[in-house]
Amino acid sequence: MKFEKTTQYKTDDGIVFNLSQITLMDSDRGRLRELHFGEAKHAHYQVNSMVVDIIKI
């Protein structure tokens, strides 16, 4: 797994989004649960689960 870049966007309403570009290889499949999204704070587990569901390699 390689984090290419993270970009932050802010809406006019003050909502902040972080967009992370990640490069995954087939061998990374078993390590998806190791991804850490610090910006999610207490919702880290929910964000991680969503990413794992979306990235079905």
N, C-alpha and C. Protein backbone atom coordinates (compact mmCIF):
# COMPACT_ATOMS: atom_id res chain seq x y z
N MET A 1 0.84 -1.16 0.00
CA MET A 1 0.00 0.00 0.00
C MET A 1 0.89 1.23 0.00
N LYS A 2 0.48 2.18 -0.80
CA LYS A 2 1.25 3.42 -0.86
C LYS A 2 0.29 4.60 -0.92
N PHE A 3 0.39 5.49 0.05
CA PHE A 3 -0.40 6.71 0.02
C PHE A 3 0.29 7.67 -0.94
N GLU A 4 -0.39 7.99 -2.03
CA GLU A 4 0.17 8.90 -3.02
C GLU A 4 0.08 10.34 -2.56
N LYS A 5 -1.13 10.76 -2.18
CA LYS A 5 -1.32 12.13 -1.69
C LYS A 5 -2.66 12.24 -0.99
N THR A 6 -2.79 13.26 -0.17
CA THR A 6 -4.05 13.58 0.49
C THR A 6 -4.32 15.06 0.22
N THR A 7 -5.54 15.34 -0.23
CA THR A 7 -5.95 16.70 -0.53
C THR A 7 -7.15 17.05 0.33
N GLN A 8 -7.16 18.27 0.83
CA GLN A 8 -8.25 18.70 1.69
C GLN A 8 -9.11 19.73 0.96
N TYR A 9 -10.43 19.52 1.04
CA TYR A 9 -11.39 20.43 0.44
C TYR A 9 -12.31 20.96 1.52
N LYS A 10 -12.66 22.24 1.41
CA LYS A 10 -13.57 22.85 2.38
C LYS A 10 -14.73 23.49 1.62
N THR A 11 -15.95 23.18 2.05
CA THR A 11 -17.15 23.74 1.41
C THR A 11 -17.42 25.13 1.96
N ASP A 12 -18.31 25.83 1.30
CA ASP A 12 -18.72 27.16 1.78
C ASP A 12 -19.41 27.09 3.13
N ASP A 13 -19.95 25.90 3.47
CA ASP A 13 -20.63 25.72 4.76
C ASP A 13 -19.66 25.34 5.87
N GLY A 14 -18.37 25.23 5.56
CA GLY A 14 -17.38 24.90 6.57
C GLY A 14 -17.12 23.42 6.76
N ILE A 15 -17.70 22.58 5.90
CA ILE A 15 -17.46 21.13 5.99
C ILE A 15 -16.14 20.82 5.29
N VAL A 16 -15.30 20.05 5.96
CA VAL A 16 -13.97 19.73 5.43
C VAL A 16 -13.93 18.27 5.01
N PHE A 17 -13.45 18.02 3.79
CA PHE A 17 -13.30 16.67 3.25
C PHE A 17 -11.83 16.42 2.97
N ASN A 18 -11.35 15.24 3.31
CA ASN A 18 -10.00 14.83 2.96
C ASN A 18 -10.10 13.71 1.94
N LEU A 19 -9.43 13.87 0.82
CA LEU A 19 -9.42 12.88 -0.24
C LEU A 19 -8.02 12.28 -0.32
N SER A 20 -7.93 10.97 -0.07
CA SER A 20 -6.64 10.28 -0.09
C SER A 20 -6.55 9.38 -1.30
N GLN A 21 -5.44 9.48 -2.01
CA GLN A 21 -5.19 8.60 -3.16
C GLN A 21 -4.22 7.51 -2.70
N ILE A 22 -4.66 6.26 -2.84
CA ILE A 22 -3.89 5.12 -2.35
C ILE A 22 -3.67 4.15 -3.50
N THR A 23 -2.44 3.64 -3.63
CA THR A 23 -2.14 2.62 -4.62
C THR A 23 -2.11 1.27 -3.90
N LEU A 24 -2.93 0.33 -4.37
CA LEU A 24 -3.00 -1.00 -3.76
C LEU A 24 -2.57 -2.06 -4.76
N MET A 25 -1.89 -3.06 -4.27
CA MET A 25 -1.50 -4.21 -5.07
C MET A 25 -2.33 -5.40 -4.59
N ASP A 26 -2.40 -6.44 -5.40
CA ASP A 26 -3.14 -7.64 -5.00
C ASP A 26 -2.66 -8.19 -3.66
N SER A 27 -1.37 -8.07 -3.41
CA SER A 27 -0.81 -8.61 -2.16
C SER A 27 -1.23 -7.80 -0.93
N ASP A 28 -1.82 -6.63 -1.12
CA ASP A 28 -2.26 -5.79 -0.02
C ASP A 28 -3.63 -6.17 0.52
N ARG A 29 -4.30 -7.09 -0.11
CA ARG A 29 -5.67 -7.45 0.26
C ARG A 29 -5.82 -7.75 1.75
N GLY A 30 -4.93 -8.52 2.31
CA GLY A 30 -5.02 -8.90 3.72
C GLY A 30 -4.66 -7.79 4.68
N ARG A 31 -4.14 -6.69 4.18
CA ARG A 31 -3.69 -5.60 5.04
C ARG A 31 -4.63 -4.39 5.02
N LEU A 32 -5.77 -4.50 4.34
CA LEU A 32 -6.66 -3.35 4.22
C LEU A 32 -7.14 -2.83 5.57
N ARG A 33 -7.31 -3.71 6.55
CA ARG A 33 -7.77 -3.29 7.88
C ARG A 33 -6.70 -2.49 8.62
N GLU A 34 -5.46 -2.50 8.10
CA GLU A 34 -4.39 -1.74 8.74
C GLU A 34 -4.39 -0.27 8.34
N LEU A 35 -5.19 0.10 7.33
CA LEU A 35 -5.25 1.49 6.92
C LEU A 35 -5.72 2.34 8.09
N HIS A 36 -5.09 3.49 8.26
CA HIS A 36 -5.46 4.38 9.36
C HIS A 36 -5.79 5.75 8.79
N PHE A 37 -6.99 6.22 9.08
CA PHE A 37 -7.42 7.54 8.65
C PHE A 37 -7.55 8.42 9.89
N GLY A 38 -6.47 9.08 10.24
CA GLY A 38 -6.42 9.88 11.46
C GLY A 38 -7.43 11.00 11.49
N GLU A 39 -7.78 11.52 10.31
CA GLU A 39 -8.74 12.62 10.26
C GLU A 39 -10.12 12.20 10.75
N ALA A 40 -10.41 10.89 10.71
CA ALA A 40 -11.73 10.39 11.10
C ALA A 40 -11.90 10.36 12.62
N LYS A 41 -10.81 10.45 13.34
CA LYS A 41 -10.81 10.44 14.80
C LYS A 41 -11.61 9.25 15.36
N HIS A 42 -12.71 9.50 16.07
CA HIS A 42 -13.47 8.41 16.71
C HIS A 42 -14.20 7.54 15.71
N ALA A 43 -14.41 8.03 14.49
CA ALA A 43 -15.13 7.26 13.47
C ALA A 43 -14.16 6.45 12.60
N HIS A 44 -12.92 6.32 13.05
CA HIS A 44 -11.90 5.61 12.26
C HIS A 44 -12.35 4.22 11.84
N TYR A 45 -12.92 3.46 12.75
CA TYR A 45 -13.32 2.09 12.42
C TYR A 45 -14.39 2.08 11.34
N GLN A 46 -15.35 2.99 11.42
CA GLN A 46 -16.41 3.04 10.41
C GLN A 46 -15.86 3.42 9.05
N VAL A 47 -14.94 4.38 9.01
CA VAL A 47 -14.32 4.77 7.74
C VAL A 47 -13.52 3.61 7.18
N ASN A 48 -12.76 2.94 8.02
CA ASN A 48 -11.97 1.80 7.57
C ASN A 48 -12.86 0.70 7.01
N SER A 49 -13.95 0.39 7.67
CA SER A 49 -14.87 -0.64 7.19
C SER A 49 -15.48 -0.27 5.85
N MET A 50 -15.80 1.00 5.67
CA MET A 50 -16.37 1.45 4.41
C MET A 50 -15.35 1.31 3.27
N VAL A 51 -14.11 1.67 3.55
CA VAL A 51 -13.06 1.55 2.54
C VAL A 51 -12.86 0.09 2.15
N VAL A 52 -12.83 -0.80 3.13
CA VAL A 52 -12.65 -2.23 2.85
C VAL A 52 -13.81 -2.74 2.00
N ASP A 53 -15.03 -2.30 2.30
CA ASP A 53 -16.20 -2.74 1.51
C ASP A 53 -16.13 -2.21 0.08
N ILE A 54 -15.65 -0.98 -0.09
CA ILE A 54 -15.59 -0.37 -1.42
C ILE A 54 -14.49 -0.98 -2.29
N ILE A 55 -13.36 -1.31 -1.66
CA ILE A 55 -12.19 -1.76 -2.41
C ILE A 55 -12.15 -3.29 -2.52
N LYS A 56 -13.15 -3.91 -2.90
CA LYS A 56 -13.13 -5.37 -3.04
C LYS A 56 -12.26 -5.71 -4.24
N ILE A 57 -11.02 -6.09 -3.94
CA ILE A 57 -10.02 -6.38 -4.99
C ILE A 57 -10.33 -7.71 -5.64
